[in-house]
PDB file of N, CA and C in Angstrom:
ATOM      1  N   MET A   1      47.410   0.951 -26.259  1.00  0.00           N
ATOM      2  CA  MET A   1      47.931  -0.364 -25.786  1.00  0.00           C
ATOM      3  C   MET A   1      47.333  -0.715 -24.557  1.00  0.00           C
ATOM      4  N   PRO A   2      46.227  -1.323 -24.614  1.00  0.00           N
ATOM      5  CA  PRO A   2      45.164  -1.578 -23.257  1.00  0.00           C
ATOM      6  C   PRO A   2      46.394  -2.360 -22.154  1.00  0.00           C
ATOM      7  N   TYR A   3      45.993  -1.909 -21.021  1.00  0.00           N
ATOM      8  CA  TYR A   3      47.090  -2.658 -20.187  1.00  0.00           C
ATOM      9  C   TYR A   3      45.962  -3.022 -18.965  1.00  0.00           C
ATOM     10  N   VAL A   4      45.687  -4.155 -18.781  1.00  0.00           N
ATOM     11  CA  VAL A   4      44.689  -4.524 -17.399  1.00  0.00           C
ATOM     12  C   VAL A   4      45.244  -5.050 -16.298  1.00  0.00           C
ATOM     13  N   ARG A   5      45.109  -4.955 -15.372  1.00  0.00           N
ATOM     14  CA  ARG A   5      45.563  -5.316 -14.110  1.00  0.00           C
ATOM     15  C   ARG A   5      44.185  -5.869 -13.300  1.00  0.00           C
ATOM     16  N   VAL A   6      44.101  -7.245 -13.213  1.00  0.00           N
ATOM     17  CA  VAL A   6      43.211  -8.078 -12.456  1.00  0.00           C
ATOM     18  C   VAL A   6      43.712  -8.659 -10.998  1.00  0.00           C
ATOM     19  N   GLU A   7      43.563  -8.048  -9.923  1.00  0.00           N
ATOM     20  CA  GLU A   7      43.668  -8.422  -8.521  1.00  0.00           C
ATOM     21  C   GLU A   7      42.734  -9.388  -7.959  1.00  0.00           C
ATOM     22  N   ILE A   8      43.064 -10.553  -7.612  1.00  0.00           N
ATOM     23  CA  ILE A   8      42.106 -11.314  -7.192  1.00  0.00           C
ATOM     24  C   ILE A   8      42.763 -12.267  -6.111  1.00  0.00           C
ATOM     25  N   THR A   9      41.871 -13.092  -4.830  1.00  0.00           N
ATOM     26  CA  THR A   9      42.448 -13.715  -4.245  1.00  0.00           C
ATOM     27  C   THR A   9      43.091 -14.930  -4.590  1.00  0.00           C
ATOM     28  N   ARG A  10      43.916 -15.602  -3.758  1.00  0.00           N
ATOM     29  CA  ARG A  10      44.568 -16.742  -4.335  1.00  0.00           C
ATOM     30  C   ARG A  10      43.482 -17.816  -4.635  1.00  0.00           C
ATOM     31  N   GLY A  11      43.820 -18.703  -5.382  1.00  0.00           N
ATOM     32  CA  GLY A  11      43.118 -20.110  -5.359  1.00  0.00           C
ATOM     33  C   GLY A  11      42.389 -20.361  -7.457  1.00  0.00           C
ATOM     34  N   ALA A  12      42.559 -19.663  -8.021  1.00  0.00           N
ATOM     35  CA  ALA A  12      41.986 -19.539  -9.110  1.00  0.00           C
ATOM     36  C   ALA A  12      43.004 -20.600  -9.780  1.00  0.00           C
ATOM     37  N   THR A  13      42.458 -21.540 -10.757  1.00  0.00           N
ATOM     38  CA  THR A  13      43.465 -22.367 -11.286  1.00  0.00           C
ATOM     39  C   THR A  13      44.288 -21.761 -12.535  1.00  0.00           C
ATOM     40  N   ARG A  14      45.276 -22.446 -13.212  1.00  0.00           N
ATOM     41  CA  ARG A  14      45.369 -21.877 -14.280  1.00  0.00           C
ATOM     42  C   ARG A  14      44.604 -21.435 -15.481  1.00  0.00           C
ATOM     43  N   ASP A  15      44.168 -22.733 -15.515  1.00  0.00           N
ATOM     44  CA  ASP A  15      42.927 -22.516 -16.521  1.00  0.00           C
ATOM     45  C   ASP A  15      41.634 -21.530 -16.685  1.00  0.00           C
ATOM     46  N   GLN A  16      41.425 -21.763 -15.227  1.00  0.00           N
ATOM     47  CA  GLN A  16      40.545 -20.210 -15.172  1.00  0.00           C
ATOM     48  C   GLN A  16      41.372 -18.823 -15.585  1.00  0.00           C
ATOM     49  N   LYS A  17      42.583 -18.890 -14.751  1.00  0.00           N
ATOM     50  CA  LYS A  17      43.089 -17.492 -15.015  1.00  0.00           C
ATOM     51  C   LYS A  17      43.408 -17.382 -16.694  1.00  0.00           C
ATOM     52  N   LYS A  18      43.860 -18.399 -17.573  1.00  0.00           N
ATOM     53  CA  LYS A  18      43.708 -18.406 -19.039  1.00  0.00           C
ATOM     54  C   LYS A  18      42.194 -18.020 -19.586  1.00  0.00           C
ATOM     55  N   GLN A  19      41.120 -18.624 -19.007  1.00  0.00           N
ATOM     56  CA  GLN A  19      39.863 -18.348 -19.571  1.00  0.00           C
ATOM     57  C   GLN A  19      39.514 -16.635 -19.301  1.00  0.00           C
ATOM     58  N   LEU A  20      39.836 -16.445 -18.067  1.00  0.00           N
ATOM     59  CA  LEU A  20      39.772 -14.566 -17.664  1.00  0.00           C
ATOM     60  C   LEU A  20      40.305 -13.802 -18.656  1.00  0.00           C
ATOM     61  N   VAL A  21      41.690 -14.207 -19.051  1.00  0.00           N
ATOM     62  CA  VAL A  21      42.733 -13.280 -20.192  1.00  0.00           C
ATOM     63  C   VAL A  21      41.835 -13.530 -21.285  1.00  0.00           C
ATOM     64  N   GLY A  22      41.584 -14.640 -21.733  1.00  0.00           N
ATOM     65  CA  GLY A  22      40.638 -14.819 -22.932  1.00  0.00           C
ATOM     66  C   GLY A  22      39.586 -13.897 -23.023  1.00  0.00           C
ATOM     67  N   ASP A  23      38.812 -13.852 -22.207  1.00  0.00           N
ATOM     68  CA  ASP A  23      37.453 -13.335 -21.858  1.00  0.00           C
ATOM     69  C   ASP A  23      37.865 -11.767 -21.954  1.00  0.00           C
ATOM     70  N   ILE A  24      38.549 -11.167 -21.157  1.00  0.00           N
ATOM     71  CA  ILE A  24      39.172  -9.779 -21.302  1.00  0.00           C
ATOM     72  C   ILE A  24      39.559  -9.342 -22.675  1.00  0.00           C
ATOM     73  N   THR A  25      40.437 -10.272 -23.037  1.00  0.00           N
ATOM     74  CA  THR A  25      40.871  -9.831 -24.765  1.00  0.00           C
ATOM     75  C   THR A  25      39.788  -9.944 -25.592  1.00  0.00           C
ATOM     76  N   ASP A  26      39.030 -10.866 -25.828  1.00  0.00           N
ATOM     77  CA  ASP A  26      37.519 -10.878 -26.514  1.00  0.00           C
ATOM     78  C   ASP A  26      36.981  -9.716 -26.345  1.00  0.00           C
ATOM     79  N   SER A  27      36.515  -9.050 -25.105  1.00  0.00           N
ATOM     80  CA  SER A  27      35.907  -7.965 -24.878  1.00  0.00           C
ATOM     81  C   SER A  27      36.685  -6.551 -25.338  1.00  0.00           C
ATOM     82  N   LEU A  28      37.665  -6.250 -25.406  1.00  0.00           N
ATOM     83  CA  LEU A  28      38.676  -5.371 -25.621  1.00  0.00           C
ATOM     84  C   LEU A  28      38.615  -5.207 -26.941  1.00  0.00           C
ATOM     85  N   VAL A  29      38.864  -6.587 -27.756  1.00  0.00           N
ATOM     86  CA  VAL A  29      38.586  -6.350 -29.283  1.00  0.00           C
ATOM     87  C   VAL A  29      37.329  -6.176 -29.543  1.00  0.00           C
ATOM     88  N   GLY A  30      36.162  -6.654 -29.078  1.00  0.00           N
ATOM     89  CA  GLY A  30      34.765  -6.653 -29.522  1.00  0.00           C
ATOM     90  C   GLY A  30      34.052  -5.138 -29.229  1.00  0.00           C
ATOM     91  N   ARG A  31      34.877  -4.896 -28.266  1.00  0.00           N
ATOM     92  CA  ARG A  31      33.888  -3.228 -28.043  1.00  0.00           C
ATOM     93  C   ARG A  31      34.430  -2.272 -28.320  1.00  0.00           C
ATOM     94  N   LEU A  32      36.131  -2.393 -27.924  1.00  0.00           N
ATOM     95  CA  LEU A  32      36.782  -0.880 -28.329  1.00  0.00           C
ATOM     96  C   LEU A  32      38.075  -1.631 -29.833  1.00  0.00           C
ATOM     97  N   GLY A  33      37.637  -2.463 -30.478  1.00  0.00           N
ATOM     98  CA  GLY A  33      38.440  -2.523 -31.700  1.00  0.00           C
ATOM     99  C   GLY A  33      39.706  -2.741 -31.314  1.00  0.00           C
ATOM    100  N   LYS A  34      40.336  -3.034 -30.329  1.00  0.00           N
ATOM    101  CA  LYS A  34      41.776  -3.629 -30.083  1.00  0.00           C
ATOM    102  C   LYS A  34      42.100  -4.395 -30.866  1.00  0.00           C
ATOM    103  N   LYS A  35      43.770  -4.490 -30.991  1.00  0.00           N
ATOM    104  CA  LYS A  35      44.230  -5.472 -31.438  1.00  0.00           C
ATOM    105  C   LYS A  35      44.606  -6.656 -30.094  1.00  0.00           C
ATOM    106  N   PRO A  36      44.722  -7.730 -30.475  1.00  0.00           N
ATOM    107  CA  PRO A  36      44.767  -8.774 -29.416  1.00  0.00           C
ATOM    108  C   PRO A  36      46.269  -8.827 -29.041  1.00  0.00           C
ATOM    109  N   GLU A  37      46.872  -8.539 -29.977  1.00  0.00           N
ATOM    110  CA  GLU A  37      48.651  -8.280 -29.550  1.00  0.00           C
ATOM    111  C   GLU A  37      48.858  -7.022 -29.196  1.00  0.00           C
ATOM    112  N   HIS A  38      48.127  -6.515 -28.799  1.00  0.00           N
ATOM    113  CA  HIS A  38      48.619  -4.912 -28.155  1.00  0.00           C
ATOM    114  C   HIS A  38      47.933  -4.753 -27.013  1.00  0.00           C
ATOM    115  N   ILE A  39      47.267  -6.007 -26.375  1.00  0.00           N
ATOM    116  CA  ILE A  39      46.467  -6.376 -25.137  1.00  0.00           C
ATOM    117  C   ILE A  39      47.446  -6.534 -23.728  1.00  0.00           C
ATOM    118  N   HIS A  40      47.620  -6.141 -22.764  1.00  0.00           N
ATOM    119  CA  HIS A  40      48.529  -6.708 -21.674  1.00  0.00           C
ATOM    120  C   HIS A  40      47.677  -6.954 -20.556  1.00  0.00           C
ATOM    121  N   ILE A  41      47.618  -8.123 -20.044  1.00  0.00           N
ATOM    122  CA  ILE A  41      46.987  -8.531 -18.807  1.00  0.00           C
ATOM    123  C   ILE A  41      47.710  -9.085 -17.766  1.00  0.00           C
ATOM    124  N   VAL A  42      47.515  -8.104 -16.592  1.00  0.00           N
ATOM    125  CA  VAL A  42      48.350  -8.907 -15.466  1.00  0.00           C
ATOM    126  C   VAL A  42      47.293  -9.614 -14.309  1.00  0.00           C
ATOM    127  N   ILE A  43      47.532 -10.355 -13.925  1.00  0.00           N
ATOM    128  CA  ILE A  43      46.623 -11.081 -12.808  1.00  0.00           C
ATOM    129  C   ILE A  43      47.782 -11.126 -11.499  1.00  0.00           C
ATOM    130  N   ASP A  44      47.286 -10.621 -10.392  1.00  0.00           N
ATOM    131  CA  ASP A  44      48.030 -10.488  -9.466  1.00  0.00           C
ATOM    132  C   ASP A  44      47.062 -10.876  -8.164  1.00  0.00           C
ATOM    133  N   GLU A  45      47.453 -11.997  -7.707  1.00  0.00           N
ATOM    134  CA  GLU A  45      46.802 -12.898  -6.598  1.00  0.00           C
ATOM    135  C   GLU A  45      47.752 -12.424  -5.307  1.00  0.00           C
ATOM    136  N   VAL A  46      46.212 -12.189  -4.324  1.00  0.00           N
ATOM    137  CA  VAL A  46      46.930 -11.561  -2.998  1.00  0.00           C
ATOM    138  C   VAL A  46      46.244 -13.048  -2.281  1.00  0.00           C
ATOM    139  N   ASP A  47      47.181 -12.765  -0.912  1.00  0.00           N
ATOM    140  CA  ASP A  47      46.686 -13.911   0.056  1.00  0.00           C
ATOM    141  C   ASP A  47      45.220 -13.163   0.543  1.00  0.00           C
ATOM    142  N   GLU A  48      44.608 -13.938   1.227  1.00  0.00           N
ATOM    143  CA  GLU A  48      43.315 -13.707   1.914  1.00  0.00           C
ATOM    144  C   GLU A  48      43.654 -12.746   3.363  1.00  0.00           C
ATOM    145  N   ASP A  49      44.745 -12.892   3.713  1.00  0.00           N
ATOM    146  CA  ASP A  49      44.886 -12.231   4.746  1.00  0.00           C
ATOM    147  C   ASP A  49      45.055 -11.064   4.394  1.00  0.00           C
ATOM    148  N   ASN A  50      45.525 -10.421   3.171  1.00  0.00           N
ATOM    149  CA  ASN A  50      46.133  -9.352   2.944  1.00  0.00           C
ATOM    150  C   ASN A  50      44.909  -8.717   2.040  1.00  0.00           C
ATOM    151  N   TRP A  51      44.083  -8.946   2.015  1.00  0.00           N
ATOM    152  CA  TRP A  51      42.643  -8.347   1.331  1.00  0.00           C
ATOM    153  C   TRP A  51      41.220  -8.234   2.342  1.00  0.00           C
ATOM    154  N   GLY A  52      41.168  -7.590   2.537  1.00  0.00           N
ATOM    155  CA  GLY A  52      40.082  -6.873   3.681  1.00  0.00           C
ATOM    156  C   GLY A  52      38.672  -6.274   2.796  1.00  0.00           C
ATOM    157  N   PHE A  53      37.543  -6.288   3.388  1.00  0.00           N
ATOM    158  CA  PHE A  53      36.339  -5.724   2.767  1.00  0.00           C
ATOM    159  C   PHE A  53      35.207  -6.263   4.080  1.00  0.00           C
ATOM    160  N   ALA A  54      34.277  -5.258   4.005  1.00  0.00           N
ATOM    161  CA  ALA A  54      33.037  -4.933   4.947  1.00  0.00           C
ATOM    162  C   ALA A  54      33.731  -5.494   6.179  1.00  0.00           C
ATOM    163  N   GLY A  55      35.018  -4.561   6.836  1.00  0.00           N
ATOM    164  CA  GLY A  55      35.420  -4.433   8.036  1.00  0.00           C
ATOM    165  C   GLY A  55      36.346  -5.613   8.587  1.00  0.00           C
ATOM    166  N   MET A  56      36.393  -6.544   7.625  1.00  0.00           N
ATOM    167  CA  MET A  56      37.512  -7.712   8.285  1.00  0.00           C
ATOM    168  C   MET A  56      38.205  -8.158   6.976  1.00  0.00           C
ATOM    169  N   LEU A  57      39.183  -9.043   7.532  1.00  0.00           N
ATOM    170  CA  LEU A  57      40.088  -9.708   6.602  1.00  0.00           C
ATOM    171  C   LEU A  57      39.087 -11.141   5.619  1.00  0.00           C
ATOM    172  N   THR A  58      39.400 -11.344   4.564  1.00  0.00           N
ATOM    173  CA  THR A  58      38.980 -12.265   3.701  1.00  0.00           C
ATOM    174  C   THR A  58      38.634 -13.473   4.696  1.00  0.00           C
ATOM    175  N   THR A  59      39.847 -13.917   5.142  1.00  0.00           N
ATOM    176  CA  THR A  59      39.600 -15.111   5.508  1.00  0.00           C
ATOM    177  C   THR A  59      38.816 -15.318   6.872  1.00  0.00           C
ATOM    178  N   ASP A  60      38.478 -14.196   7.755  1.00  0.00           N
ATOM    179  CA  ASP A  60      37.642 -14.222   8.672  1.00  0.00           C
ATOM    180  C   ASP A  60      36.289 -14.151   8.129  1.00  0.00           C
ATOM    181  N   TRP A  61      36.044 -12.995   7.023  1.00  0.00           N
ATOM    182  CA  TRP A  61      34.806 -13.058   6.314  1.00  0.00           C
ATOM    183  C   TRP A  61      34.283 -14.316   6.011  1.00  0.00           C
ATOM    184  N   ARG A  62      35.276 -15.251   5.573  1.00  0.00           N
ATOM    185  CA  ARG A  62      34.891 -16.390   4.798  1.00  0.00           C
ATOM    186  C   ARG A  62      34.532 -17.483   6.043  1.00  0.00           C
ATOM    187  N   LYS A  63      35.025 -17.482   7.111  1.00  0.00           N
ATOM    188  CA  LYS A  63      34.825 -18.391   8.314  1.00  0.00           C
ATOM    189  C   LYS A  63      33.459 -18.090   8.747  1.00  0.00           C
ATOM    190  N   GLN A  64      33.068 -16.723   8.662  1.00  0.00           N
ATOM    191  CA  GLN A  64      31.589 -16.266   9.498  1.00  0.00           C
ATOM    192  C   GLN A  64      30.765 -16.633   8.313  1.00  0.00           C
ATOM    193  N   GLN A  65      30.789 -16.819   6.988  1.00  0.00           N
ATOM    194  CA  GLN A  65      30.195 -17.442   6.228  1.00  0.00           C
ATOM    195  C   GLN A  65      29.515 -18.847   6.246  1.00  0.00           C
ATOM    196  N   SER A  66      30.403 -19.470   6.741  1.00  0.00           N
ATOM    197  CA  SER A  66      30.281 -20.836   7.013  1.00  0.00           C
ATOM    198  C   SER A  66      29.782 -21.840   8.123  1.00  0.00           C
TER     199      SER A  66
END
């Protein structure tokens, strides 16, 4: 029973998340032969002020990029 946890920053639409779940499911079915009804996918949305990389918070990094 595959369990996949995806962490993203907030902002994805419901449709984007639906497509993502479909893509991940299709990949596990196609590559590993898993049954779709056995696949569990959890999407955690993290506020950009709680996500850091390149030595800074995502909100600060995005401001710097614009």
